[in-house]
Amino acid sequence: MRLETRTGLAALAAAVLALVILAAVATNQFEQVVRELVDEQLEERSATAPVLVAVGDRVAVSELDSTIAAARVLVDGRTIDIGRLPDDPLPPIDREGFRTATADGEDWRLYTVRVDDVPAAGDTALVELAAPLGDVDARVSTLRGRMALGGLLAAALAGVAGLVLGRRASRPLTDLRNDAAAITGSGDADLAVQTAYGAVEVDDVARTLNDSLRSVADASTRREEALVAARAFAASATHELRTPLQSAMTNLDVELAPTGGSDRVRAARSDLDRMKSALEAVRAFSDAELVDPTWFETVDVADLAEEIAASASRGSDRVSVAGDDSLELSVWPDGVRLALDNLVRNALTHGRVAPESNGTDVDDVTEQHAGEVIVTIDAVAGALTVDDGGVGIAPSDRERLLQPFERGATRVAGSGLGLAFVARVAAAHDGDFTLDDSPLGGTRAILVLRTLPSPPTERS
């Protein structure tokens, strides 16, 4: 809820509360004043009490009874009713002073006085003067209704005024938000918001925001410098190691050329190949850890899949591409290419592994699809799925193999970085990488790249 709306609602609530209290106090005061006037009138009428005692019996049965104000006279143990009294009985006369009783559905105000020596010396009587309060209650009720209606109108006006004033009061905060949004949209880390918005609290927030922006900019600069240094170090280390490694491999190749060399020399040559592959994997893995948004560009990932499938198949039909014909995404091309190449080559390598070597039984599906790899393009999900007909990966090992330098139970050589690299590429694209069972009998690898793909067209 916006601040101006909160201010309007607060003003509305405050106005309603104030008007309710004011109405309650005002109507109570009005009712009290009117009842005091009734009491004063009864006190004035008490001057006629001796006359009512003297002639009460005769007035009660005369034609004048209906024209006289209501009263009751208690004399000689009997009560004489005079004037317009209610049909319902009033409580007995037992004491002097004021009291209120209810009869005929309305309140009656009663005032009792004592009269001595009337009609004869030594006589005593009590005269109770009565006045209905129905008119008073009706006027109080009318006043409450009018005040309620006026209160609603006043509350509505207060709410509107609060909304308008709240909008004006929150304008400095709105200006600060707009300035901050402009900085965020510009991508310029050197920009700052102004610090004079006309409200002390907002100015304090602006200064704090500027301090935070400077801290973020400094941290971003240090991070960029660290990334540049890390990339340079990885490139230099790879280059420095690759040169002597390649020289050693060449020397061994020369040694092996005439006679084929001894078993120990061939083993050394194989170890150097593994070192070279591992070195290239480490370089690629470091790039995936330090991927930069400037490396991204829009490419058709389906075309990459076709190229990789053609290269891996070497003229055979062991690797096929299915699904959608196009998948244009903004990606890190080298990373996605290497990730998909790793998945295809892993599928080819492990798809040819004999099931007996992993302690499993050969089923019909595995026999039928042994050595087969299918890359499926899903443009709607932005997913690349690689299926093989190999021995598969146990569910308990799937999460572990996504970590660096973790290897499966097979005897196939590898660096232990291939699947970890694919997982890092997926993370760099805000995507996912998972391993599952393949319908071909082996492993299904699913690489999801979370960007907005183009509408799919079915592959013919």
Protein backbone atom coordinates (compact mmCIF):
# COMPACT_ATOMS: atom_id res chain seq x y z
CA MET A 1 0.00 0.00 0.00
CA ARG A 2 1.38 3.39 -0.98
CA LEU A 3 2.28 5.93 1.69
CA GLU A 4 -0.26 8.46 0.42
CA THR A 5 -3.00 5.82 0.69
CA ARG A 6 -1.88 4.97 4.20
CA THR A 7 -2.02 8.67 5.09
CA GLY A 8 -5.53 9.03 3.67
CA LEU A 9 -6.77 5.97 5.54
CA ALA A 10 -5.09 7.18 8.72
CA ALA A 11 -6.81 10.55 8.37
CA LEU A 12 -10.12 8.81 7.72
CA ALA A 13 -9.72 6.57 10.76
CA ALA A 14 -8.69 9.50 12.96
CA ALA A 15 -11.65 11.56 11.76
CA VAL A 16 -14.12 8.74 12.35
CA LEU A 17 -12.74 8.10 15.84
CA ALA A 18 -12.79 11.80 16.73
CA LEU A 19 -16.34 12.24 15.41
CA VAL A 20 -17.62 9.17 17.26
CA ILE A 21 -16.19 10.51 20.51
CA LEU A 22 -17.49 14.01 19.79
CA ALA A 23 -20.96 12.71 18.89
CA ALA A 24 -21.14 10.61 22.02
CA VAL A 25 -20.07 13.49 24.26
CA ALA A 26 -22.33 16.02 22.50
CA THR A 27 -25.48 13.89 22.58
CA ASN A 28 -24.91 12.94 26.22
CA GLN A 29 -24.46 16.61 27.11
CA PHE A 30 -27.55 17.54 25.13
CA GLU A 31 -29.60 14.84 26.83
CA GLN A 32 -28.33 15.95 30.24
CA VAL A 33 -29.16 19.62 29.57
CA VAL A 34 -32.69 18.80 28.37
CA ARG A 35 -33.34 16.56 31.35
CA GLU A 36 -32.10 19.33 33.65
CA LEU A 37 -34.66 21.63 32.03
CA VAL A 38 -37.36 19.03 32.73
CA ASP A 39 -36.21 18.86 36.35
CA GLU A 40 -36.37 22.65 36.62
CA GLN A 41 -39.92 22.63 35.26
CA LEU A 42 -40.91 19.97 37.79
CA GLU A 43 -39.42 22.04 40.59
CA GLU A 44 -41.43 25.07 39.41
CA ARG A 45 -44.58 22.94 39.32
CA SER A 46 -43.91 21.85 42.91
CA ALA A 47 -45.26 25.24 44.04
CA THR A 48 -48.76 23.93 43.19
CA ALA A 49 -48.33 20.85 45.41
CA PRO A 50 -50.40 22.24 48.35
CA VAL A 51 -53.26 23.07 45.97
CA LEU A 52 -53.17 19.53 44.52
CA VAL A 53 -53.39 18.08 48.05
CA ALA A 54 -56.32 20.33 48.93
CA VAL A 55 -58.40 19.79 45.80
CA GLY A 56 -56.92 16.58 44.41
CA ASP A 57 -60.01 14.44 45.05
CA ARG A 58 -62.32 16.82 43.24
CA VAL A 59 -59.94 17.55 40.32
CA ALA A 60 -59.40 13.83 39.68
CA VAL A 61 -63.11 13.34 38.95
CA SER A 62 -63.72 16.64 37.18
CA GLU A 63 -63.56 17.46 33.48
CA LEU A 64 -60.41 19.46 34.16
CA ASP A 65 -58.41 16.29 34.96
CA SER A 66 -57.33 15.67 31.37
CA THR A 67 -55.97 19.22 31.05
CA ILE A 68 -53.80 19.21 34.17
CA ALA A 69 -50.13 18.14 34.15
CA ALA A 70 -49.62 14.63 35.49
CA ALA A 71 -49.28 14.23 39.23
CA ARG A 72 -50.02 11.80 42.06
CA VAL A 73 -50.97 12.60 45.66
CA LEU A 74 -50.35 10.17 48.53
CA VAL A 75 -52.55 11.15 51.42
CA ASP A 76 -54.15 9.15 54.24
CA GLY A 77 -52.58 5.96 52.79
CA ARG A 78 -54.26 6.28 49.38
CA THR A 79 -52.94 7.54 46.04
CA ILE A 80 -54.87 10.03 43.94
CA ASP A 81 -54.04 10.13 40.20
CA ILE A 82 -54.32 13.53 38.57
CA GLY A 83 -53.83 14.55 34.93
CA ARG A 84 -52.34 12.62 31.95
CA LEU A 85 -50.59 9.71 33.61
CA PRO A 86 -49.42 6.58 31.72
CA ASP A 87 -51.66 3.54 31.46
CA ASP A 88 -48.94 1.34 32.97
CA PRO A 89 -48.65 1.68 36.75
CA LEU A 90 -45.84 3.80 38.14
CA PRO A 91 -43.86 2.61 41.16
CA PRO A 92 -45.28 3.45 44.60
CA ILE A 93 -44.53 6.82 46.14
CA ASP A 94 -42.08 6.13 48.95
CA ARG A 95 -39.60 9.01 49.17
CA GLU A 96 -38.99 12.64 48.31
CA GLY A 97 -36.73 13.81 45.43
CA PHE A 98 -36.14 12.92 41.77
CA ARG A 99 -36.29 9.51 40.14
CA THR A 100 -36.92 8.00 36.69
CA ALA A 101 -39.37 5.22 35.89
CA THR A 102 -40.49 3.45 32.70
CA ALA A 103 -44.13 3.16 31.67
CA ASP A 104 -45.96 2.85 28.34
CA GLY A 105 -42.61 2.18 26.66
CA GLU A 106 -41.01 5.51 27.60
CA ASP A 107 -39.18 7.07 30.50
CA TRP A 108 -40.94 9.32 32.99
CA ARG A 109 -39.24 11.84 35.23
CA LEU A 110 -40.77 11.93 38.73
CA TYR A 111 -40.30 14.58 41.43
CA THR A 112 -41.81 14.07 44.91
CA VAL A 113 -42.29 16.82 47.52
CA ARG A 114 -43.80 16.76 51.01
CA VAL A 115 -46.72 18.98 51.95
CA ASP A 116 -47.57 19.62 55.62
CA ASP A 117 -50.67 21.05 57.33
CA VAL A 118 -52.89 20.67 54.27
CA PRO A 119 -55.85 20.49 54.18
CA ALA A 120 -55.79 20.74 58.02
CA ALA A 121 -53.14 21.47 60.60
CA GLY A 122 -51.05 18.39 61.34
CA ASP A 123 -51.84 16.66 58.03
CA THR A 124 -48.95 15.31 55.86
CA ALA A 125 -49.03 14.31 52.20
CA LEU A 126 -46.58 13.44 49.41
CA VAL A 127 -47.13 14.96 45.98
CA GLU A 128 -45.35 13.36 42.97
CA LEU A 129 -45.12 15.48 39.83
CA ALA A 130 -44.54 13.52 36.56
CA ALA A 131 -43.25 14.50 33.12
CA PRO A 132 -42.77 12.15 30.12
CA LEU A 133 -39.29 12.02 28.57
CA GLY A 134 -40.37 10.64 25.18
CA ASP A 135 -39.87 13.99 23.45
CA VAL A 136 -36.45 14.35 25.04
CA ASP A 137 -35.38 10.86 23.87
CA ALA A 138 -36.75 11.55 20.38
CA ARG A 139 -34.77 14.77 20.11
CA VAL A 140 -31.61 13.06 21.34
CA SER A 141 -32.11 10.29 18.76
CA THR A 142 -32.64 12.86 15.99
CA LEU A 143 -29.49 14.66 17.07
CA ARG A 144 -27.50 11.41 16.99
CA GLY A 145 -28.71 10.65 13.46
CA ARG A 146 -27.84 14.10 12.20
CA MET A 147 -24.42 13.97 13.84
CA ALA A 148 -23.80 10.50 12.35
CA LEU A 149 -24.64 11.76 8.86
CA GLY A 150 -22.53 14.86 9.31
CA GLY A 151 -19.75 12.72 10.75
CA LEU A 152 -19.72 10.43 7.71
CA LEU A 153 -19.47 13.41 5.38
CA ALA A 154 -16.76 14.98 7.50
CA ALA A 155 -14.85 11.66 7.64
CA ALA A 156 -15.02 11.29 3.86
CA LEU A 157 -13.72 14.82 3.42
CA ALA A 158 -10.97 14.09 5.95
CA GLY A 159 -10.00 10.94 4.03
CA VAL A 160 -9.79 12.82 0.74
CA ALA A 161 -7.83 15.61 2.37
CA GLY A 162 -5.50 13.05 3.95
CA LEU A 163 -4.97 11.39 0.57
CA VAL A 164 -4.15 14.70 -1.11
CA LEU A 165 -1.91 15.86 1.72
CA GLY A 166 -0.32 12.40 1.93
CA ARG A 167 0.54 12.57 -1.76
CA ARG A 168 2.19 15.92 -1.23
CA ALA A 169 3.95 14.70 1.91
CA SER A 170 5.26 11.56 0.16
CA ARG A 171 6.48 13.41 -2.93
CA PRO A 172 10.10 13.56 -1.65
CA LEU A 173 10.06 9.78 -1.18
CA THR A 174 8.59 9.31 -4.67
CA ASP A 175 11.32 11.53 -6.12
CA LEU A 176 13.95 9.47 -4.32
CA ARG A 177 12.47 6.25 -5.68
CA ASN A 178 12.46 7.63 -9.23
CA ASP A 179 16.07 8.78 -8.94
CA ALA A 180 17.13 5.39 -7.57
CA ALA A 181 15.28 3.63 -10.40
CA ALA A 182 17.03 5.84 -12.96
CA ILE A 183 20.41 4.87 -11.51
CA THR A 184 19.50 1.17 -11.55
CA GLY A 185 18.36 1.37 -15.16
CA SER A 186 21.42 3.30 -16.33
CA GLY A 187 23.96 0.76 -15.07
CA ASP A 188 26.34 3.63 -14.23
CA ALA A 189 27.92 2.86 -10.87
CA ASP A 190 29.24 6.44 -10.51
CA LEU A 191 25.79 8.02 -10.36
CA ALA A 192 24.23 9.11 -7.05
CA VAL A 193 20.88 10.45 -5.95
CA GLN A 194 20.52 14.00 -4.73
CA THR A 195 20.42 14.63 -0.99
CA ALA A 196 17.97 17.57 -0.79
CA TYR A 197 14.42 16.35 -1.25
CA GLY A 198 12.79 18.69 1.28
CA ALA A 199 12.24 16.10 4.02
CA VAL A 200 14.89 15.39 6.65
CA GLU A 201 14.10 11.66 6.86
CA VAL A 202 14.17 11.21 3.08
CA ASP A 203 17.43 13.16 2.85
CA ASP A 204 18.95 10.82 5.45
CA VAL A 205 17.80 7.81 3.42
CA ALA A 206 19.28 9.37 0.26
CA ARG A 207 22.67 9.85 1.94
CA THR A 208 22.59 6.27 3.22
CA LEU A 209 21.67 5.04 -0.26
CA ASN A 210 24.56 6.94 -1.79
CA ASP A 211 26.93 5.38 0.74
CA SER A 212 25.56 1.94 -0.16
CA LEU A 213 25.91 2.66 -3.88
CA ARG A 214 29.54 3.66 -3.39
CA SER A 215 30.19 0.48 -1.38
CA VAL A 216 28.56 -1.67 -4.05
CA ALA A 217 30.51 0.11 -6.80
CA ASP A 218 33.79 -0.42 -4.92
CA ALA A 219 32.98 -4.07 -4.33
CA SER A 220 32.00 -4.52 -7.98
CA THR A 221 35.28 -2.92 -9.09
CA ARG A 222 37.31 -5.17 -6.80
CA ARG A 223 35.38 -8.19 -8.05
CA GLU A 224 36.00 -7.29 -11.68
CA GLU A 225 39.68 -6.81 -10.96
CA ALA A 226 39.78 -10.17 -9.18
CA LEU A 227 38.00 -11.84 -12.09
CA VAL A 228 40.41 -10.34 -14.58
CA ALA A 229 43.36 -11.45 -12.47
CA ALA A 230 41.91 -14.95 -12.05
CA ARG A 231 41.27 -15.31 -15.77
CA ALA A 232 44.76 -14.07 -16.57
CA PHE A 233 46.29 -16.46 -14.05
CA ALA A 234 44.30 -19.42 -15.38
CA ALA A 235 45.26 -18.58 -18.96
CA SER A 236 48.92 -18.08 -18.08
CA ALA A 237 49.10 -21.25 -15.99
CA THR A 238 47.44 -23.26 -18.73
CA HIS A 239 49.79 -21.86 -21.37
CA GLU A 240 52.90 -22.40 -19.26
CA LEU A 241 51.95 -26.00 -18.49
CA ARG A 242 50.69 -26.82 -21.97
CA THR A 243 53.99 -25.96 -23.68
CA PRO A 244 56.26 -28.40 -21.77
CA LEU A 245 53.47 -30.96 -21.77
CA GLN A 246 53.13 -30.79 -25.54
CA SER A 247 56.91 -31.01 -25.89
CA ALA A 248 57.02 -34.14 -23.73
CA MET A 249 54.22 -35.70 -25.76
CA THR A 250 56.04 -34.94 -29.01
CA ASN A 251 59.27 -36.49 -27.70
CA LEU A 252 57.39 -39.62 -26.67
CA ASP A 253 55.70 -39.79 -30.07
CA VAL A 254 59.15 -39.67 -31.72
CA GLU A 255 60.34 -42.42 -29.40
CA LEU A 256 57.29 -44.56 -30.12
CA ALA A 257 57.31 -44.07 -33.91
CA PRO A 258 59.98 -46.62 -35.01
CA THR A 259 59.34 -49.55 -32.69
CA GLY A 260 56.14 -48.74 -30.80
CA GLY A 261 58.10 -48.35 -27.58
CA SER A 262 57.91 -50.28 -24.37
CA ASP A 263 54.80 -50.69 -22.24
CA ARG A 264 56.16 -48.13 -19.79
CA VAL A 265 56.67 -45.55 -22.52
CA ARG A 266 53.18 -46.13 -23.92
CA ALA A 267 51.74 -45.81 -20.41
CA ALA A 268 53.63 -42.53 -19.95
CA ARG A 269 52.22 -41.27 -23.26
CA SER A 270 48.71 -42.19 -22.11
CA ASP A 271 49.28 -40.38 -18.81
CA LEU A 272 50.35 -37.26 -20.68
CA ASP A 273 47.16 -37.38 -22.75
CA ARG A 274 45.16 -37.53 -19.54
CA MET A 275 47.13 -34.60 -18.12
CA LYS A 276 46.45 -32.56 -21.24
CA SER A 277 42.72 -33.35 -21.07
CA ALA A 278 42.65 -32.54 -17.38
CA LEU A 279 44.46 -29.25 -17.96
CA GLU A 280 41.99 -28.23 -20.64
CA ALA A 281 39.11 -29.26 -18.35
CA VAL A 282 40.50 -27.17 -15.49
CA ARG A 283 40.80 -24.15 -17.81
CA ALA A 284 37.23 -24.60 -19.01
CA PHE A 285 35.98 -25.12 -15.45
CA SER A 286 37.67 -21.90 -14.27
CA ASP A 287 36.05 -20.03 -17.15
CA ALA A 288 32.65 -21.42 -16.13
CA GLU A 289 33.22 -20.24 -12.55
CA LEU A 290 34.11 -16.72 -13.76
CA VAL A 291 31.65 -16.38 -16.64
CA ASP A 292 30.98 -12.76 -17.59
CA PRO A 293 27.70 -11.40 -19.06
CA THR A 294 29.69 -9.77 -21.85
CA TRP A 295 30.46 -13.26 -23.17
CA PHE A 296 26.81 -13.87 -24.00
CA GLU A 297 25.41 -13.62 -27.52
CA THR A 298 22.37 -14.92 -29.34
CA VAL A 299 22.99 -18.21 -31.14
CA ASP A 300 20.91 -21.11 -32.40
CA VAL A 301 21.74 -23.88 -29.94
CA ALA A 302 20.11 -26.42 -32.25
CA ASP A 303 22.81 -25.65 -34.84
CA LEU A 304 25.48 -26.25 -32.21
CA ALA A 305 23.90 -29.61 -31.44
CA GLU A 306 23.95 -30.53 -35.13
CA GLU A 307 27.64 -29.62 -35.45
CA ILE A 308 28.61 -31.56 -32.34
CA ALA A 309 26.57 -34.59 -33.40
CA ALA A 310 28.19 -34.60 -36.85
CA SER A 311 31.67 -34.26 -35.39
CA ALA A 312 31.15 -36.96 -32.78
CA SER A 313 29.58 -39.41 -35.23
CA ARG A 314 32.41 -39.15 -37.78
CA GLY A 315 30.15 -40.12 -40.66
CA SER A 316 28.12 -42.75 -38.79
CA ASP A 317 24.62 -42.36 -37.42
CA ARG A 318 25.48 -43.10 -33.81
CA VAL A 319 24.51 -39.53 -32.69
CA SER A 320 21.18 -38.12 -33.89
CA VAL A 321 19.37 -34.85 -33.15
CA ALA A 322 15.60 -34.78 -32.58
CA GLY A 323 12.93 -32.37 -31.37
CA ASP A 324 12.58 -28.72 -32.36
CA ASP A 325 14.45 -27.38 -35.36
CA SER A 326 15.56 -24.11 -33.77
CA LEU A 327 16.46 -22.86 -30.30
CA GLU A 328 17.75 -19.30 -30.38
CA LEU A 329 19.02 -18.19 -26.98
CA SER A 330 21.31 -15.57 -25.51
CA VAL A 331 24.09 -17.80 -24.16
CA TRP A 332 27.82 -18.17 -23.58
CA PRO A 333 28.50 -19.96 -26.90
CA ASP A 334 31.87 -21.53 -26.04
CA GLY A 335 30.57 -22.80 -22.70
CA VAL A 336 27.37 -24.26 -24.12
CA ARG A 337 29.27 -25.84 -27.03
CA LEU A 338 31.81 -27.47 -24.69
CA ALA A 339 29.09 -28.56 -22.23
CA LEU A 340 27.05 -30.23 -24.97
CA ASP A 341 30.20 -31.76 -26.48
CA ASN A 342 31.08 -33.21 -23.05
CA LEU A 343 27.62 -34.73 -22.70
CA VAL A 344 27.65 -36.28 -26.19
CA ARG A 345 31.17 -37.69 -25.84
CA ASN A 346 30.41 -39.02 -22.34
CA ALA A 347 27.30 -40.67 -23.76
CA LEU A 348 29.31 -42.24 -26.58
CA THR A 349 32.06 -43.38 -24.26
CA HIS A 350 29.86 -44.84 -21.53
CA GLY A 351 27.27 -46.05 -24.02
CA ARG A 352 29.87 -48.46 -25.40
CA VAL A 353 30.87 -49.79 -21.98
CA ALA A 354 29.85 -53.42 -21.60
CA PRO A 355 27.16 -53.77 -18.95
CA GLU A 356 28.99 -56.71 -17.37
CA SER A 357 31.87 -54.38 -16.49
CA ASN A 358 29.58 -52.52 -14.12
CA GLY A 359 28.06 -55.58 -12.54
CA THR A 360 24.65 -55.16 -14.19
CA ASP A 361 22.57 -57.42 -16.38
CA VAL A 362 22.03 -56.79 -20.08
CA ASP A 363 18.40 -56.09 -20.90
CA ASP A 364 16.72 -55.90 -24.30
CA VAL A 365 16.62 -52.08 -24.34
CA THR A 366 20.33 -51.74 -23.56
CA GLU A 367 21.29 -54.31 -26.19
CA GLN A 368 19.12 -52.65 -28.81
CA HIS A 369 20.44 -49.10 -28.20
CA ALA A 370 24.04 -49.81 -27.17
CA GLY A 371 26.28 -47.09 -28.60
CA GLU A 372 23.31 -44.94 -29.66
CA VAL A 373 23.05 -41.29 -28.55
CA ILE A 374 20.05 -39.00 -29.12
CA VAL A 375 20.17 -35.23 -28.54
CA THR A 376 16.64 -33.78 -28.17
CA ILE A 377 15.91 -30.03 -28.52
CA ASP A 378 12.97 -28.61 -26.52
CA ALA A 379 12.54 -24.94 -27.50
CA VAL A 380 9.62 -24.31 -25.13
CA ALA A 381 11.57 -25.39 -22.03
CA GLY A 382 14.96 -24.22 -23.38
CA ALA A 383 16.25 -27.74 -22.71
CA LEU A 384 18.84 -30.02 -24.32
CA THR A 385 18.42 -33.71 -23.47
CA VAL A 386 21.12 -36.31 -24.21
CA ASP A 387 20.11 -40.01 -24.00
CA ASP A 388 22.41 -43.01 -24.30
CA GLY A 389 21.96 -46.77 -24.21
CA GLY A 390 24.81 -47.47 -21.82
CA VAL A 391 24.86 -48.87 -18.30
CA GLY A 392 23.41 -45.72 -16.69
CA ILE A 393 24.30 -44.02 -13.42
CA ALA A 394 23.00 -45.20 -10.07
CA PRO A 395 20.57 -42.68 -8.49
CA SER A 396 22.76 -42.48 -5.39
CA ASP A 397 25.72 -41.27 -7.50
CA ARG A 398 23.98 -38.61 -9.61
CA GLU A 399 24.31 -35.63 -7.29
CA ARG A 400 27.87 -36.57 -6.35
CA LEU A 401 29.04 -36.71 -9.97
CA LEU A 402 28.04 -33.05 -10.45
CA GLN A 403 30.86 -32.04 -8.08
CA PRO A 404 34.42 -31.38 -9.34
CA PHE A 405 36.82 -34.37 -9.56
CA GLU A 406 34.12 -36.92 -8.75
CA ARG A 407 34.11 -39.98 -10.97
CA GLY A 408 31.76 -42.90 -11.45
CA ALA A 409 32.33 -46.60 -10.90
CA THR A 410 33.42 -47.38 -14.49
CA ARG A 411 37.04 -47.91 -15.49
CA VAL A 412 36.83 -45.33 -18.30
CA ALA A 413 39.51 -42.63 -17.92
CA GLY A 414 38.45 -39.05 -17.30
CA SER A 415 39.23 -35.87 -15.35
CA GLY A 416 36.11 -35.86 -13.21
CA LEU A 417 35.32 -32.31 -14.34
CA GLY A 418 33.04 -32.87 -17.34
CA LEU A 419 29.69 -33.11 -15.58
CA ALA A 420 30.73 -30.46 -13.00
CA PHE A 421 31.52 -28.12 -15.90
CA VAL A 422 28.07 -28.71 -17.43
CA ALA A 423 26.47 -27.95 -14.05
CA ARG A 424 28.41 -24.66 -13.86
CA VAL A 425 27.31 -23.71 -17.38
CA ALA A 426 23.70 -24.36 -16.39
CA ALA A 427 24.11 -22.17 -13.29
CA ALA A 428 25.69 -19.39 -15.40
CA HIS A 429 22.50 -19.39 -17.49
CA ASP A 430 20.23 -19.50 -14.41
CA GLY A 431 19.27 -23.00 -15.49
CA ASP A 432 19.44 -26.59 -14.25
CA PHE A 433 21.39 -29.73 -14.99
CA THR A 434 20.06 -33.12 -13.89
CA LEU A 435 20.76 -36.80 -14.53
CA ASP A 436 18.02 -39.40 -14.87
CA ASP A 437 17.21 -42.77 -16.40
CA SER A 438 17.02 -42.84 -20.19
CA PRO A 439 14.32 -44.65 -22.17
CA LEU A 440 17.23 -46.11 -24.17
CA GLY A 441 18.36 -47.96 -21.05
CA GLY A 442 21.30 -45.76 -20.06
CA THR A 443 21.60 -42.19 -18.76
CA ARG A 444 19.54 -39.14 -19.60
CA ALA A 445 21.33 -35.78 -19.11
CA ILE A 446 19.05 -32.70 -19.13
CA LEU A 447 20.58 -29.24 -19.57
CA VAL A 448 18.09 -26.36 -19.14
CA LEU A 449 19.04 -22.81 -20.14
CA ARG A 450 16.55 -20.31 -18.73
CA THR A 451 16.13 -17.63 -21.39
CA LEU A 452 13.26 -16.80 -23.72
CA PRO A 453 13.47 -19.17 -26.69
CA SER A 454 12.03 -18.51 -30.12
CA PRO A 455 8.77 -20.31 -31.06
CA PRO A 456 9.63 -23.94 -31.93
CA THR A 457 9.36 -25.50 -35.35
CA GLU A 458 9.24 -29.28 -35.58
CA ARG A 459 12.30 -31.03 -36.94
CA SER A 460 11.48 -32.90 -40.15
